[in-house]
């Protein structure tokens, strides 16, 4: 499991999108970040789908959001938050380390994260009416990309303005807040681990 640096700050970064859009250019995508993102977007092998729980008539099981945020050097980097009906959840973000990516995985082992991941799938299914089959789009400044993956491998996506989401003026707002609950869940886990280490 990778340790996330400044996870609490990450939570605040998501809400810091509110306000005037920054002119800062998006940092070029790192190969490792892109590989991990594509691994999630490609879905599970067919022989592993038999034991998966699906939601809705289009049988989705993995959903998530990609957004951008300022980093400490005033660049803009991608953040990828993903969850599934199994309760598995992960956060990945571009970083300046050797691999070019950081993150936190293993959310399935924590009840609050597990519940948030499952709820995100349910709320995503309600928004499929506003999503369309497509390849994963390049993120646009000032937008969030929402996605859902179905049993047959179809990827549904939508790009929505950040301000509309954060101001709770868009039907995708619940989808977004589920993702934020996953971030909060990992923050709580990290804080607990840090407290335990201090005791030892």
N, C-alpha and C. Protein backbone atom coordinates (compact mmCIF):
# COMPACT_ATOMS: atom_id res chain seq x y z
N UNK A 1 0.85 -1.19 0.00
CA UNK A 1 0.00 0.00 0.00
C UNK A 1 0.89 1.24 0.00
N UNK A 2 0.59 2.15 -0.91
CA UNK A 2 1.35 3.39 -0.93
C UNK A 2 0.78 4.35 0.11
N UNK A 3 1.66 5.09 0.73
CA UNK A 3 1.18 6.11 1.65
C UNK A 3 0.90 7.38 0.87
N UNK A 4 -0.21 7.95 1.16
CA UNK A 4 -0.58 9.20 0.50
C UNK A 4 -0.01 10.36 1.30
N UNK A 5 0.56 11.32 0.66
CA UNK A 5 1.12 12.47 1.34
C UNK A 5 0.09 13.60 1.28
N UNK A 6 -0.13 14.23 2.44
CA UNK A 6 -1.07 15.34 2.50
C UNK A 6 -2.48 14.92 2.08
N UNK A 7 -2.96 13.79 2.60
CA UNK A 7 -4.30 13.34 2.24
C UNK A 7 -5.36 14.32 2.71
N UNK A 8 -5.14 14.92 3.87
CA UNK A 8 -6.09 15.93 4.33
C UNK A 8 -6.12 17.10 3.38
N UNK A 9 -4.96 17.48 2.88
CA UNK A 9 -4.89 18.58 1.93
C UNK A 9 -5.63 18.20 0.65
N UNK A 10 -5.55 16.95 0.26
CA UNK A 10 -6.24 16.49 -0.93
C UNK A 10 -7.74 16.73 -0.79
N UNK A 11 -8.29 16.46 0.38
CA UNK A 11 -9.70 16.71 0.61
C UNK A 11 -10.02 18.19 0.40
N UNK A 12 -9.16 19.05 0.91
CA UNK A 12 -9.41 20.48 0.76
C UNK A 12 -9.20 20.93 -0.68
N UNK A 13 -8.27 20.29 -1.38
CA UNK A 13 -8.02 20.64 -2.78
C UNK A 13 -9.27 20.45 -3.61
N UNK A 14 -10.00 19.36 -3.37
CA UNK A 14 -11.20 19.07 -4.13
C UNK A 14 -12.18 20.22 -4.01
N UNK A 15 -12.34 20.76 -2.80
CA UNK A 15 -13.27 21.85 -2.60
C UNK A 15 -12.67 23.19 -3.00
N UNK A 16 -11.36 23.25 -3.15
CA UNK A 16 -10.72 24.49 -3.55
C UNK A 16 -10.95 24.81 -5.02
N UNK A 17 -11.54 23.85 -5.75
CA UNK A 17 -11.87 24.09 -7.15
C UNK A 17 -12.89 25.21 -7.30
N UNK A 18 -13.64 25.46 -6.21
CA UNK A 18 -14.68 26.48 -6.24
C UNK A 18 -14.06 27.84 -6.46
N UNK A 19 -14.67 28.62 -7.32
CA UNK A 19 -14.18 29.95 -7.56
C UNK A 19 -13.66 30.11 -8.98
N UNK A 20 -12.88 31.15 -9.22
CA UNK A 20 -12.39 31.44 -10.55
C UNK A 20 -11.42 30.37 -11.03
N UNK A 21 -11.61 29.95 -12.27
CA UNK A 21 -10.78 28.89 -12.84
C UNK A 21 -9.35 29.37 -13.04
N UNK A 22 -8.39 28.56 -12.66
CA UNK A 22 -6.98 28.92 -12.78
C UNK A 22 -6.52 28.80 -14.22
N UNK A 23 -5.55 29.66 -14.57
CA UNK A 23 -4.97 29.61 -15.92
C UNK A 23 -3.78 28.66 -15.98
N UNK A 24 -3.43 28.05 -14.85
CA UNK A 24 -2.29 27.16 -14.81
C UNK A 24 -2.48 25.98 -15.75
N UNK A 25 -1.44 25.63 -16.49
CA UNK A 25 -1.54 24.54 -17.44
C UNK A 25 -1.49 23.19 -16.73
N UNK A 26 -2.16 22.23 -17.33
CA UNK A 26 -2.19 20.88 -16.78
C UNK A 26 -0.85 20.21 -17.00
N UNK A 27 -0.31 19.60 -15.94
CA UNK A 27 0.95 18.86 -16.04
C UNK A 27 0.79 17.68 -16.98
N UNK A 28 1.76 17.40 -17.88
CA UNK A 28 1.65 16.23 -18.77
C UNK A 28 1.44 14.95 -17.97
N UNK A 29 0.62 14.08 -18.48
CA UNK A 29 0.28 12.86 -17.75
C UNK A 29 1.49 11.94 -17.62
N UNK A 30 1.68 11.36 -16.45
CA UNK A 30 2.81 10.45 -16.24
C UNK A 30 2.42 9.05 -16.74
N UNK A 31 3.35 8.32 -17.35
CA UNK A 31 3.04 6.99 -17.89
C UNK A 31 2.47 6.03 -16.85
N UNK A 32 3.01 6.04 -15.63
CA UNK A 32 2.53 5.12 -14.60
C UNK A 32 1.11 5.45 -14.19
N UNK A 33 0.82 6.73 -14.01
CA UNK A 33 -0.55 7.14 -13.68
C UNK A 33 -1.50 6.69 -14.77
N UNK A 34 -1.13 6.91 -16.01
CA UNK A 34 -1.99 6.53 -17.13
C UNK A 34 -2.20 5.02 -17.19
N UNK A 35 -1.14 4.25 -16.92
CA UNK A 35 -1.24 2.78 -16.94
C UNK A 35 -2.21 2.29 -15.86
N UNK A 36 -2.09 2.86 -14.67
CA UNK A 36 -2.98 2.44 -13.57
C UNK A 36 -4.43 2.82 -13.89
N UNK A 37 -4.62 4.01 -14.40
CA UNK A 37 -5.97 4.45 -14.78
C UNK A 37 -6.55 3.53 -15.84
N UNK A 38 -5.77 3.20 -16.85
CA UNK A 38 -6.25 2.32 -17.92
C UNK A 38 -6.55 0.91 -17.43
N UNK A 39 -5.80 0.47 -16.42
CA UNK A 39 -6.06 -0.86 -15.85
C UNK A 39 -7.46 -0.91 -15.25
N UNK A 40 -7.84 0.11 -14.51
CA UNK A 40 -9.19 0.18 -13.96
C UNK A 40 -10.24 0.30 -15.06
N UNK A 41 -9.96 1.12 -16.07
CA UNK A 41 -10.93 1.37 -17.12
C UNK A 41 -11.14 0.18 -18.04
N UNK A 42 -10.16 -0.72 -18.08
CA UNK A 42 -10.29 -1.90 -18.95
C UNK A 42 -11.16 -2.97 -18.32
N UNK A 43 -11.40 -2.89 -17.02
CA UNK A 43 -12.30 -3.83 -16.35
C UNK A 43 -11.65 -5.16 -16.02
N UNK A 44 -12.46 -6.03 -15.43
CA UNK A 44 -11.97 -7.35 -15.02
C UNK A 44 -12.02 -8.34 -16.18
N UNK A 45 -11.15 -9.35 -16.17
CA UNK A 45 -11.24 -10.43 -17.17
C UNK A 45 -12.59 -11.14 -17.04
N UNK A 46 -13.06 -11.72 -18.13
CA UNK A 46 -14.38 -12.36 -18.13
C UNK A 46 -14.51 -13.45 -17.08
N UNK A 47 -13.44 -14.20 -16.84
CA UNK A 47 -13.54 -15.30 -15.88
C UNK A 47 -13.67 -14.81 -14.44
N UNK A 48 -13.43 -13.51 -14.21
CA UNK A 48 -13.58 -12.97 -12.86
C UNK A 48 -14.90 -12.24 -12.66
N UNK A 49 -15.69 -12.11 -13.73
CA UNK A 49 -16.93 -11.37 -13.64
C UNK A 49 -18.07 -12.18 -13.04
N UNK A 50 -17.90 -13.49 -12.99
CA UNK A 50 -18.98 -14.35 -12.51
C UNK A 50 -19.36 -14.06 -11.06
N UNK A 51 -18.40 -13.64 -10.26
CA UNK A 51 -18.66 -13.41 -8.84
C UNK A 51 -18.92 -11.94 -8.52
N UNK A 52 -19.03 -11.10 -9.56
CA UNK A 52 -19.19 -9.66 -9.35
C UNK A 52 -20.66 -9.29 -9.22
N UNK A 53 -20.95 -8.37 -8.33
CA UNK A 53 -22.30 -7.81 -8.20
C UNK A 53 -22.44 -6.65 -9.17
N UNK A 54 -23.54 -6.63 -9.92
CA UNK A 54 -23.78 -5.56 -10.89
C UNK A 54 -24.99 -4.73 -10.47
N UNK A 55 -25.01 -3.48 -10.93
CA UNK A 55 -26.09 -2.56 -10.55
C UNK A 55 -26.80 -2.06 -11.79
N UNK A 56 -28.13 -2.14 -11.79
CA UNK A 56 -28.93 -1.58 -12.87
C UNK A 56 -29.02 -2.44 -14.10
N UNK A 57 -29.85 -1.99 -15.04
CA UNK A 57 -30.09 -2.76 -16.27
C UNK A 57 -28.86 -2.83 -17.16
N UNK A 58 -27.96 -1.86 -17.04
CA UNK A 58 -26.73 -1.88 -17.85
C UNK A 58 -25.56 -2.51 -17.10
N UNK A 59 -25.84 -3.02 -15.92
CA UNK A 59 -24.91 -3.86 -15.16
C UNK A 59 -23.53 -3.21 -14.97
N UNK A 60 -23.53 -2.07 -14.31
CA UNK A 60 -22.26 -1.42 -14.02
C UNK A 60 -21.69 -1.95 -12.71
N UNK A 61 -20.38 -1.86 -12.56
CA UNK A 61 -19.75 -2.37 -11.33
C UNK A 61 -18.53 -1.58 -10.89
N UNK A 62 -17.96 -0.76 -11.75
CA UNK A 62 -16.82 0.08 -11.38
C UNK A 62 -17.10 1.50 -11.87
N UNK A 63 -16.93 2.48 -10.98
CA UNK A 63 -17.21 3.87 -11.34
C UNK A 63 -16.15 4.77 -10.71
N UNK A 64 -16.10 6.01 -11.15
CA UNK A 64 -15.15 6.93 -10.54
C UNK A 64 -15.14 8.30 -11.17
N UNK A 65 -14.19 9.09 -10.72
CA UNK A 65 -14.06 10.49 -11.14
C UNK A 65 -12.59 10.81 -11.37
N UNK A 66 -12.31 11.60 -12.39
CA UNK A 66 -10.99 12.21 -12.53
C UNK A 66 -11.17 13.72 -12.48
N UNK A 67 -10.31 14.37 -11.73
CA UNK A 67 -10.34 15.82 -11.64
C UNK A 67 -8.91 16.33 -11.59
N UNK A 68 -8.75 17.64 -11.59
CA UNK A 68 -7.40 18.21 -11.51
C UNK A 68 -7.33 19.14 -10.31
N UNK A 69 -6.13 19.30 -9.78
CA UNK A 69 -5.92 20.21 -8.65
C UNK A 69 -4.53 20.80 -8.75
N UNK A 70 -4.34 21.93 -8.09
CA UNK A 70 -3.01 22.54 -8.03
C UNK A 70 -2.11 21.74 -7.12
N UNK A 71 -0.85 21.61 -7.50
CA UNK A 71 0.12 21.00 -6.60
C UNK A 71 0.93 22.10 -5.93
N UNK A 72 1.87 21.70 -5.09
CA UNK A 72 2.61 22.68 -4.30
C UNK A 72 3.54 23.55 -5.15
N UNK A 73 3.82 23.13 -6.40
CA UNK A 73 4.65 23.93 -7.29
C UNK A 73 3.79 24.76 -8.23
N UNK A 74 2.47 24.82 -7.95
CA UNK A 74 1.52 25.61 -8.71
C UNK A 74 1.24 25.02 -10.09
N UNK A 75 1.58 23.74 -10.27
CA UNK A 75 1.15 23.06 -11.49
C UNK A 75 -0.22 22.46 -11.27
N UNK A 76 -0.77 21.85 -12.30
CA UNK A 76 -2.06 21.18 -12.16
C UNK A 76 -1.90 19.70 -12.48
N UNK A 77 -2.32 18.86 -11.55
CA UNK A 77 -2.17 17.42 -11.69
C UNK A 77 -3.51 16.71 -11.61
N UNK A 78 -3.56 15.52 -12.19
CA UNK A 78 -4.77 14.71 -12.20
C UNK A 78 -4.92 13.91 -10.92
N UNK A 79 -6.16 13.72 -10.51
CA UNK A 79 -6.51 12.84 -9.39
C UNK A 79 -7.58 11.89 -9.88
N UNK A 80 -7.42 10.61 -9.60
CA UNK A 80 -8.34 9.57 -10.08
C UNK A 80 -8.88 8.82 -8.86
N UNK A 81 -10.20 8.89 -8.66
CA UNK A 81 -10.85 8.24 -7.53
C UNK A 81 -11.78 7.18 -8.09
N UNK A 82 -11.65 5.94 -7.61
CA UNK A 82 -12.40 4.84 -8.21
C UNK A 82 -12.95 3.92 -7.12
N UNK A 83 -14.13 3.34 -7.38
CA UNK A 83 -14.73 2.40 -6.45
C UNK A 83 -15.55 1.36 -7.20
N UNK A 84 -15.85 0.26 -6.55
CA UNK A 84 -16.60 -0.81 -7.21
C UNK A 84 -17.62 -1.43 -6.27
N UNK A 85 -18.48 -2.28 -6.82
CA UNK A 85 -19.52 -2.93 -6.02
C UNK A 85 -18.93 -3.88 -4.99
N UNK A 86 -17.71 -4.31 -5.17
CA UNK A 86 -17.06 -5.17 -4.18
C UNK A 86 -16.67 -4.39 -2.93
N UNK A 87 -16.76 -3.06 -3.01
CA UNK A 87 -16.32 -2.22 -1.91
C UNK A 87 -14.88 -1.80 -2.04
N UNK A 88 -14.22 -2.26 -3.08
CA UNK A 88 -12.83 -1.86 -3.31
C UNK A 88 -12.82 -0.38 -3.74
N UNK A 89 -11.83 0.35 -3.29
CA UNK A 89 -11.71 1.77 -3.64
C UNK A 89 -10.25 2.18 -3.60
N UNK A 90 -9.87 3.11 -4.46
CA UNK A 90 -8.50 3.59 -4.51
C UNK A 90 -8.49 5.05 -4.93
N UNK A 91 -7.41 5.72 -4.57
CA UNK A 91 -7.15 7.09 -5.02
C UNK A 91 -5.75 7.11 -5.62
N UNK A 92 -5.61 7.70 -6.79
CA UNK A 92 -4.30 7.85 -7.42
C UNK A 92 -4.14 9.30 -7.84
N UNK A 93 -2.90 9.79 -7.77
CA UNK A 93 -2.64 11.14 -8.22
C UNK A 93 -1.23 11.24 -8.76
N UNK A 94 -1.04 12.13 -9.72
CA UNK A 94 0.29 12.35 -10.24
C UNK A 94 1.17 12.99 -9.17
N UNK A 95 2.42 12.57 -9.14
CA UNK A 95 3.35 13.14 -8.17
C UNK A 95 4.72 13.28 -8.80
N UNK A 96 5.62 13.90 -8.06
CA UNK A 96 6.97 14.13 -8.58
C UNK A 96 7.95 13.06 -8.12
N UNK A 97 7.42 11.93 -7.60
CA UNK A 97 8.33 10.86 -7.20
C UNK A 97 8.81 10.10 -8.44
N UNK A 98 9.65 9.10 -8.23
CA UNK A 98 10.27 8.38 -9.35
C UNK A 98 9.23 7.70 -10.23
N UNK A 99 8.16 7.18 -9.62
CA UNK A 99 7.14 6.48 -10.39
C UNK A 99 6.18 7.43 -11.10
N UNK A 100 6.11 8.67 -10.63
CA UNK A 100 5.21 9.63 -11.25
C UNK A 100 3.78 9.52 -10.77
N UNK A 101 3.55 8.70 -9.73
CA UNK A 101 2.19 8.52 -9.22
C UNK A 101 2.26 8.17 -7.73
N UNK A 102 1.28 8.65 -7.00
CA UNK A 102 1.11 8.28 -5.60
C UNK A 102 -0.33 7.86 -5.40
N UNK A 103 -0.63 7.38 -4.22
CA UNK A 103 -2.02 7.00 -4.02
C UNK A 103 -2.25 6.20 -2.77
N UNK A 104 -3.45 5.73 -2.65
CA UNK A 104 -3.85 4.91 -1.52
C UNK A 104 -4.78 3.83 -2.04
N UNK A 105 -4.48 2.58 -1.72
CA UNK A 105 -5.30 1.46 -2.18
C UNK A 105 -5.71 0.60 -0.97
N UNK A 106 -6.59 -0.34 -1.21
CA UNK A 106 -6.96 -1.25 -0.14
C UNK A 106 -8.16 -0.81 0.67
N UNK A 107 -8.99 0.08 0.10
CA UNK A 107 -10.14 0.57 0.83
C UNK A 107 -11.15 -0.49 1.20
N UNK A 108 -11.13 -1.60 0.51
CA UNK A 108 -12.09 -2.68 0.76
C UNK A 108 -12.01 -3.21 2.19
N UNK A 109 -10.86 -3.03 2.81
CA UNK A 109 -10.67 -3.54 4.16
C UNK A 109 -11.22 -2.64 5.25
N UNK A 110 -11.86 -1.54 4.87
CA UNK A 110 -12.38 -0.60 5.86
C UNK A 110 -13.86 -0.32 5.57
N UNK A 111 -14.69 -0.56 6.57
CA UNK A 111 -16.14 -0.54 6.34
C UNK A 111 -16.65 0.79 5.78
N UNK A 112 -16.17 1.91 6.33
CA UNK A 112 -16.68 3.20 5.86
C UNK A 112 -16.32 3.45 4.39
N UNK A 113 -15.11 3.08 3.99
CA UNK A 113 -14.70 3.24 2.60
C UNK A 113 -15.47 2.26 1.71
N UNK A 114 -15.62 1.05 2.19
CA UNK A 114 -16.36 0.03 1.44
C UNK A 114 -17.80 0.48 1.16
N UNK A 115 -18.45 1.04 2.16
CA UNK A 115 -19.83 1.51 1.99
C UNK A 115 -19.91 2.70 1.04
N UNK A 116 -18.92 3.60 1.13
CA UNK A 116 -18.90 4.76 0.23
C UNK A 116 -18.69 4.33 -1.22
N UNK A 117 -17.84 3.33 -1.43
CA UNK A 117 -17.59 2.84 -2.79
C UNK A 117 -18.86 2.25 -3.39
N UNK A 118 -19.55 1.45 -2.60
CA UNK A 118 -20.79 0.83 -3.10
C UNK A 118 -21.86 1.87 -3.37
N UNK A 119 -21.96 2.86 -2.49
CA UNK A 119 -22.94 3.93 -2.70
C UNK A 119 -22.61 4.73 -3.95
N UNK A 120 -21.33 4.92 -4.23
CA UNK A 120 -20.93 5.66 -5.43
C UNK A 120 -21.40 4.93 -6.68
N UNK A 121 -21.33 3.60 -6.68
CA UNK A 121 -21.81 2.84 -7.84
C UNK A 121 -23.31 3.03 -8.02
N UNK A 122 -24.05 2.97 -6.91
CA UNK A 122 -25.51 3.14 -6.98
C UNK A 122 -25.87 4.53 -7.51
N UNK A 123 -25.20 5.56 -6.99
CA UNK A 123 -25.48 6.92 -7.45
C UNK A 123 -25.03 7.13 -8.89
N UNK A 124 -23.96 6.48 -9.29
CA UNK A 124 -23.51 6.58 -10.69
C UNK A 124 -24.54 5.97 -11.63
N UNK A 125 -25.14 4.85 -11.22
CA UNK A 125 -26.14 4.19 -12.08
C UNK A 125 -27.33 5.12 -12.34
N UNK A 126 -27.67 5.94 -11.35
CA UNK A 126 -28.77 6.88 -11.51
C UNK A 126 -28.46 7.98 -12.52
N UNK A 127 -27.18 8.18 -12.79
CA UNK A 127 -26.77 9.24 -13.71
C UNK A 127 -26.39 8.72 -15.10
N UNK A 128 -26.58 7.44 -15.33
CA UNK A 128 -26.25 6.89 -16.66
C UNK A 128 -27.07 7.55 -17.75
N UNK A 129 -28.24 8.06 -17.40
CA UNK A 129 -29.07 8.75 -18.37
C UNK A 129 -28.36 9.99 -18.92
N UNK A 130 -27.41 10.52 -18.15
CA UNK A 130 -26.65 11.70 -18.57
C UNK A 130 -25.24 11.37 -19.06
N UNK A 131 -24.94 10.07 -19.17
CA UNK A 131 -23.61 9.64 -19.61
C UNK A 131 -23.72 8.92 -20.95
N UNK A 132 -22.62 8.88 -21.67
CA UNK A 132 -22.65 8.29 -23.01
C UNK A 132 -21.45 7.36 -23.21
N UNK A 133 -21.63 6.28 -23.97
CA UNK A 133 -20.50 5.39 -24.27
C UNK A 133 -19.41 6.17 -25.01
N UNK A 134 -18.19 6.05 -24.56
CA UNK A 134 -17.08 6.76 -25.21
C UNK A 134 -15.76 6.24 -24.69
N UNK A 135 -14.67 6.62 -25.36
CA UNK A 135 -13.35 6.41 -24.79
C UNK A 135 -13.17 7.42 -23.66
N UNK A 136 -12.22 7.14 -22.77
CA UNK A 136 -12.02 8.05 -21.65
C UNK A 136 -11.48 9.38 -22.18
N UNK A 137 -12.18 10.50 -21.93
CA UNK A 137 -11.77 11.77 -22.52
C UNK A 137 -10.63 12.44 -21.77
N UNK A 138 -9.89 13.27 -22.47
CA UNK A 138 -8.87 14.10 -21.83
C UNK A 138 -9.57 15.09 -20.91
N UNK A 139 -9.06 15.24 -19.72
CA UNK A 139 -9.69 16.13 -18.75
C UNK A 139 -9.57 17.58 -19.24
N UNK A 140 -10.63 18.35 -19.05
CA UNK A 140 -10.63 19.77 -19.40
C UNK A 140 -10.45 20.60 -18.13
N UNK A 141 -9.69 21.67 -18.19
CA UNK A 141 -9.57 22.54 -17.02
C UNK A 141 -10.95 23.01 -16.56
N UNK A 142 -11.16 22.99 -15.25
CA UNK A 142 -12.43 23.45 -14.72
C UNK A 142 -13.55 22.43 -14.81
N UNK A 143 -13.22 21.18 -15.18
CA UNK A 143 -14.22 20.13 -15.32
C UNK A 143 -13.83 18.90 -14.50
N UNK A 144 -14.78 18.03 -14.28
CA UNK A 144 -14.55 16.71 -13.72
C UNK A 144 -15.07 15.68 -14.72
N UNK A 145 -14.36 14.56 -14.83
CA UNK A 145 -14.81 13.46 -15.68
C UNK A 145 -15.39 12.36 -14.80
N UNK A 146 -16.65 12.02 -15.05
CA UNK A 146 -17.32 10.93 -14.35
C UNK A 146 -17.39 9.73 -15.28
N UNK A 147 -17.22 8.52 -14.73
CA UNK A 147 -17.27 7.34 -15.59
C UNK A 147 -17.92 6.17 -14.88
N UNK A 148 -18.43 5.25 -15.68
CA UNK A 148 -19.00 4.00 -15.17
C UNK A 148 -18.68 2.90 -16.17
N UNK A 149 -18.29 1.75 -15.67
CA UNK A 149 -17.91 0.61 -16.51
C UNK A 149 -18.92 -0.51 -16.33
N UNK A 150 -19.39 -1.08 -17.43
CA UNK A 150 -20.42 -2.12 -17.37
C UNK A 150 -19.83 -3.51 -17.59
N UNK A 151 -20.66 -4.51 -17.32
CA UNK A 151 -20.25 -5.91 -17.45
C UNK A 151 -19.75 -6.23 -18.85
N UNK A 152 -20.39 -5.66 -19.88
CA UNK A 152 -20.00 -5.96 -21.26
C UNK A 152 -18.80 -5.13 -21.74
N UNK A 153 -18.20 -4.34 -20.82
CA UNK A 153 -17.00 -3.58 -21.15
C UNK A 153 -17.26 -2.18 -21.68
N UNK A 154 -18.53 -1.78 -21.72
CA UNK A 154 -18.85 -0.43 -22.19
C UNK A 154 -18.46 0.60 -21.12
N UNK A 155 -17.77 1.64 -21.56
CA UNK A 155 -17.38 2.73 -20.68
C UNK A 155 -18.30 3.92 -20.94
N UNK A 156 -19.00 4.36 -19.90
CA UNK A 156 -19.88 5.53 -19.99
C UNK A 156 -19.19 6.71 -19.32
N UNK A 157 -19.21 7.88 -19.96
CA UNK A 157 -18.53 9.03 -19.39
C UNK A 157 -19.36 10.31 -19.53
N UNK A 158 -19.00 11.28 -18.71
CA UNK A 158 -19.56 12.63 -18.80
C UNK A 158 -18.57 13.59 -18.19
N UNK A 159 -18.43 14.77 -18.80
CA UNK A 159 -17.59 15.82 -18.21
C UNK A 159 -18.48 16.98 -17.79
N UNK A 160 -18.35 17.36 -16.53
CA UNK A 160 -19.21 18.37 -15.93
C UNK A 160 -18.34 19.48 -15.33
N UNK A 161 -18.82 20.71 -15.38
CA UNK A 161 -18.08 21.82 -14.79
C UNK A 161 -17.99 21.65 -13.28
N UNK A 162 -16.78 21.87 -12.75
CA UNK A 162 -16.55 21.72 -11.32
C UNK A 162 -17.48 22.59 -10.49
N UNK A 163 -17.64 23.83 -10.91
CA UNK A 163 -18.43 24.77 -10.11
C UNK A 163 -19.87 24.29 -9.97
N UNK A 164 -20.43 23.73 -11.03
CA UNK A 164 -21.80 23.23 -10.97
C UNK A 164 -21.92 22.09 -9.97
N UNK A 165 -20.88 21.25 -9.93
CA UNK A 165 -20.89 20.10 -9.02
C UNK A 165 -20.77 20.56 -7.57
N UNK A 166 -19.78 21.39 -7.31
CA UNK A 166 -19.49 21.78 -5.94
C UNK A 166 -20.58 22.68 -5.36
N UNK A 167 -21.23 23.45 -6.21
CA UNK A 167 -22.35 24.29 -5.76
C UNK A 167 -23.64 23.49 -5.64
N UNK A 168 -23.55 22.18 -5.88
CA UNK A 168 -24.71 21.28 -5.75
C UNK A 168 -25.82 21.65 -6.73
N UNK A 169 -25.44 22.11 -7.91
CA UNK A 169 -26.42 22.52 -8.91
C UNK A 169 -26.53 21.53 -10.06
N UNK A 170 -25.87 20.38 -9.93
CA UNK A 170 -25.86 19.40 -11.01
C UNK A 170 -26.26 18.04 -10.48
N UNK A 171 -26.96 17.22 -11.30
CA UNK A 171 -27.38 15.88 -10.85
C UNK A 171 -26.21 14.97 -10.45
N UNK A 172 -24.98 15.29 -10.88
CA UNK A 172 -23.82 14.47 -10.55
C UNK A 172 -23.24 14.80 -9.17
N UNK A 173 -23.82 15.75 -8.47
CA UNK A 173 -23.25 16.18 -7.18
C UNK A 173 -23.15 15.03 -6.18
N UNK A 174 -24.17 14.19 -6.09
CA UNK A 174 -24.11 13.07 -5.14
C UNK A 174 -22.98 12.11 -5.50
N UNK A 175 -22.79 11.87 -6.79
CA UNK A 175 -21.70 11.04 -7.29
C UNK A 175 -20.37 11.61 -6.78
N UNK A 176 -20.20 12.92 -6.90
CA UNK A 176 -18.98 13.59 -6.46
C UNK A 176 -18.80 13.47 -4.95
N UNK A 177 -19.87 13.70 -4.19
CA UNK A 177 -19.74 13.65 -2.74
C UNK A 177 -19.44 12.25 -2.23
N UNK A 178 -19.89 11.22 -2.96
CA UNK A 178 -19.51 9.84 -2.62
C UNK A 178 -18.00 9.68 -2.75
N UNK A 179 -17.44 10.23 -3.83
CA UNK A 179 -15.99 10.16 -4.03
C UNK A 179 -15.26 10.90 -2.91
N UNK A 180 -15.80 12.03 -2.50
CA UNK A 180 -15.18 12.77 -1.41
C UNK A 180 -15.24 11.99 -0.10
N UNK A 181 -16.32 11.21 0.09
CA UNK A 181 -16.41 10.36 1.27
C UNK A 181 -15.31 9.29 1.27
N UNK A 182 -14.95 8.82 0.07
CA UNK A 182 -13.85 7.85 -0.03
C UNK A 182 -12.54 8.52 0.40
N UNK A 183 -12.32 9.75 -0.06
CA UNK A 183 -11.13 10.49 0.35
C UNK A 183 -11.10 10.66 1.86
N UNK A 184 -12.23 11.06 2.43
CA UNK A 184 -12.32 11.24 3.87
C UNK A 184 -12.04 9.94 4.60
N UNK A 185 -12.57 8.83 4.07
CA UNK A 185 -12.34 7.53 4.68
C UNK A 185 -10.87 7.17 4.75
N UNK A 186 -10.14 7.41 3.68
CA UNK A 186 -8.70 7.14 3.69
C UNK A 186 -7.97 8.07 4.66
N UNK A 187 -8.43 9.32 4.75
CA UNK A 187 -7.81 10.26 5.69
C UNK A 187 -7.96 9.75 7.12
N UNK A 188 -9.15 9.28 7.45
CA UNK A 188 -9.41 8.76 8.80
C UNK A 188 -8.51 7.55 9.08
N UNK A 189 -8.38 6.66 8.10
CA UNK A 189 -7.52 5.49 8.27
C UNK A 189 -6.08 5.92 8.52
N UNK A 190 -5.62 6.89 7.73
CA UNK A 190 -4.24 7.36 7.89
C UNK A 190 -4.01 7.99 9.26
N UNK A 191 -4.98 8.80 9.70
CA UNK A 191 -4.84 9.43 11.01
C UNK A 191 -4.80 8.39 12.12
N UNK A 192 -5.59 7.35 12.00
CA UNK A 192 -5.60 6.28 12.99
C UNK A 192 -4.27 5.55 13.01
N UNK A 193 -3.72 5.27 11.82
CA UNK A 193 -2.43 4.59 11.75
C UNK A 193 -1.33 5.44 12.35
N UNK A 194 -1.36 6.73 12.10
CA UNK A 194 -0.35 7.64 12.65
C UNK A 194 -0.44 7.68 14.18
N UNK A 195 -1.67 7.70 14.70
CA UNK A 195 -1.85 7.74 16.14
C UNK A 195 -1.34 6.46 16.79
N UNK A 196 -1.56 5.33 16.15
CA UNK A 196 -1.09 4.04 16.66
C UNK A 196 0.43 3.97 16.67
N UNK A 197 1.07 4.56 15.64
CA UNK A 197 2.51 4.56 15.56
C UNK A 197 3.14 5.39 16.68
N UNK A 198 2.46 6.48 17.05
CA UNK A 198 2.97 7.33 18.12
C UNK A 198 2.94 6.62 19.47
N UNK A 199 1.93 5.75 19.63
CA UNK A 199 1.77 5.01 20.89
C UNK A 199 2.85 3.96 21.05
N UNK A 200 3.27 3.36 19.93
CA UNK A 200 4.25 2.27 19.96
C UNK A 200 5.64 2.79 20.36
